């Protein structure tokens, strides 16, 4: 499921809210908070090849006024 634009989250709220709650475990009443305090991070004592089998970086953030991928034109 992809949102075509920011209004998708309100127009299709009954569907989108269920998907977000199921996939991310977040309800519409939940608030996201960020804590950028690096001193609160914990790391294993030793990193080796068994620690990370694979990784993926995905950028899925859009700025207001810029279209989502489904609305981008050449």
Protein backbone atom coordinates (compact mmCIF):
# COMPACT_ATOMS: atom_id res chain seq x y z
CA UNK A 1 0.00 0.00 0.00
CA UNK A 2 1.42 3.38 -0.97
CA UNK A 3 0.03 6.78 -0.09
CA UNK A 4 -0.32 8.93 -3.20
CA UNK A 5 0.03 12.13 -1.18
CA UNK A 6 -0.45 13.54 2.32
CA UNK A 7 -4.22 13.77 1.86
CA UNK A 8 -4.36 9.98 1.38
CA UNK A 9 -4.00 9.57 5.14
CA UNK A 10 -7.17 11.58 5.80
CA UNK A 11 -9.29 10.63 2.77
CA UNK A 12 -8.68 6.92 3.34
CA UNK A 13 -8.23 7.16 7.12
CA UNK A 14 -10.42 4.13 7.96
CA UNK A 15 -8.20 1.91 5.79
CA UNK A 16 -4.85 3.62 6.36
CA UNK A 17 -5.29 3.73 10.15
CA UNK A 18 -5.87 -0.04 10.26
CA UNK A 19 -2.81 -0.72 8.10
CA UNK A 20 -0.58 1.57 10.18
CA UNK A 21 -1.82 0.03 13.42
CA UNK A 22 -1.30 -3.51 12.12
CA UNK A 23 2.12 -2.91 10.56
CA UNK A 24 3.66 -0.44 13.01
CA UNK A 25 1.61 -1.18 16.14
CA UNK A 26 0.60 2.49 16.42
CA UNK A 27 -2.88 3.81 17.10
CA UNK A 28 -4.15 7.19 15.90
CA UNK A 29 -4.04 8.38 19.52
CA UNK A 30 -0.32 7.53 19.90
CA UNK A 31 2.31 10.27 19.75
CA UNK A 32 5.78 9.74 18.33
CA UNK A 33 8.63 11.10 20.39
CA UNK A 34 12.29 11.22 19.40
CA UNK A 35 15.18 11.09 21.82
CA UNK A 36 18.45 12.00 20.15
CA UNK A 37 20.54 11.65 23.32
CA UNK A 38 23.41 9.44 22.18
CA UNK A 39 24.44 8.75 25.79
CA UNK A 40 21.32 6.56 26.15
CA UNK A 41 22.41 4.18 23.38
CA UNK A 42 23.83 0.78 24.25
CA UNK A 43 26.05 -1.34 22.05
CA UNK A 44 27.26 -4.93 22.32
CA UNK A 45 30.75 -5.30 23.73
CA UNK A 46 32.14 -6.83 20.53
CA UNK A 47 30.90 -6.63 16.96
CA UNK A 48 31.67 -9.48 14.62
CA UNK A 49 30.29 -10.90 11.37
CA UNK A 50 27.48 -12.71 13.18
CA UNK A 51 26.07 -9.45 14.57
CA UNK A 52 24.69 -8.12 11.28
CA UNK A 53 23.69 -10.59 8.60
CA UNK A 54 22.24 -7.99 6.24
CA UNK A 55 21.04 -4.42 6.24
CA UNK A 56 18.85 -2.16 4.14
CA UNK A 57 18.60 1.60 3.99
CA UNK A 58 15.30 3.04 2.84
CA UNK A 59 14.41 6.69 2.55
CA UNK A 60 10.68 7.25 2.80
CA UNK A 61 10.40 10.79 4.04
CA UNK A 62 8.90 13.56 1.94
CA UNK A 63 8.74 17.25 2.66
CA UNK A 64 5.46 19.16 2.59
CA UNK A 65 4.89 20.61 -0.85
CA UNK A 66 6.92 17.91 -2.60
CA UNK A 67 4.97 15.03 -4.16
CA UNK A 68 5.16 11.44 -3.03
CA UNK A 69 6.73 9.00 -5.51
CA UNK A 70 3.40 8.10 -7.10
CA UNK A 71 2.82 11.73 -8.16
CA UNK A 72 6.28 12.56 -9.46
CA UNK A 73 6.37 13.35 -13.18
CA UNK A 74 9.37 13.57 -15.52
